[in-house]
Amino acid sequence: MNIYLDYQATTPADPAVVAAMQPFWTAKFGNPHSSHRHGWEAEAAVDVARGHIARLLNMPPEAVVFTSGATETNNLALKGVMARAERRRLVTVATEHSCVLETARYLETQGFAITVLGVGADGLIDLAALAAALDPDVALVSVMAVNNEIGVVQPLAEIAAAAHAAGALFHCDAAQGFGKIPLDMPALGIDLVSLSAHKIYGPKGIGALVLRSGLDLEPQMHGGGQEGGGLRSGTLAAPLAVGFGKAAEIAAACMGEDAAHAEALWDAFLAALHVPHAINGSAVHRWRGNINLRFEGLDGDRLIADLRRLSISSGAACASAKGRHSHVLEALGLSRAQAKASLRIGWGRFSTEDEVRAAAAMIGDAVLMQRRTAA
């Protein structure tokens, strides 16, 4: 039995999403920017998708600007805001996704000041440290909703309030939180949100920037200006947009059920794990579809190699592909050896209790085998 438990890296497309997309590859193939029947048909479907995505955030459809994914979106949000801002400082967090941190480092080479805040051992931002960092030169605060490696959920409303009190904007990378936890942008005070379809059972290759009215961003790609009144150029992939919208529609209907399912799988997995372990990050303030476990003194990569029937990881897919250590676990204060002894395991809508129990037993057996071999 092969078991997929890497839902933070990507999710399988929901069958209803695949079905919704199919006509737009063939019979309804029009360019949504064309002024004729085929184009209008595609444009109408894209507008419906925009509405489904916007409703999950309590925003109007016109706030949704489609992009190629969260990496492009985060680049557009950070670079776009800073290029038009009079203030010159960006504040972010050491546990952010690499596309945020690398964008921040790029901005630093362009003369902007960057403040990267640490986190506690639980992975949560220190609100007092944030307040201390918010000097009059801060234009933007960027903090993710749900961490992609440890599942920790940050206090978004409090962060937004602190940013706004200092006259700064608040951007939230919600790729891992959208469709899983309630994200009411106006109520939380979020100015810009980054999204990715393939984290919510939608297609790869499409994401969105959702931003409140009145924000002035510098476009990062120049051309036809098809999206967001010129903010993002490029022919929109109508099938992907339709798939994203369908995934958002399903998420809105299933959010409570999905959360309860994730909680049940969390309990089932831990009940079946028969070896000592530690949970990296807060066990309370987190999305229960993600668990990051540490097995002291062991080699996580070797464990993964021994668990060939399990699709799990030692961290973010982009970092694993480059052989990098987890900057998130190091930000929690873990040593390199402790980070190396950690596994990220994620389940979702299509995971079963039998699968997570079987996975826990396999992991426990592999841990015991490695400990016996090392003894």
Foldseek 3Di string as FASTA:
>chain_A
DFAEFQLLQFDAADPVLVVQLVCCVPVLVDQCVDDDDSNVVLVVLLLLLLCLQQVLQVHHSQLKWKDQAQLVQLLQVPQFQCVPDPFFEEEEELQDDVSNVVSQVVSVVVPGHYHYFFPAQQLEGDLVVLLVPLALRYAEYEYEQAGSFQQFGYQQLSSLVSQVVSVYAYEYADQQPRLQDRNHCVVSNHAKYKYGQRSQSFDHGMIIIGGDPPRGTDAPDADDLPGSNNNYDDGDSSSRSSSSSVSSNVSVVCNVVFQVQLVVLLVLLVVLQDDDWDWGHDPPRGRSQKTKIFDPPDAQVVLCVQPVSYNWALGHPVCVVVVHFNSSNVSSVDDSRRSRRMIMTGDTDPDDSVSSSVVSNSSNVSSVVRVVVVD
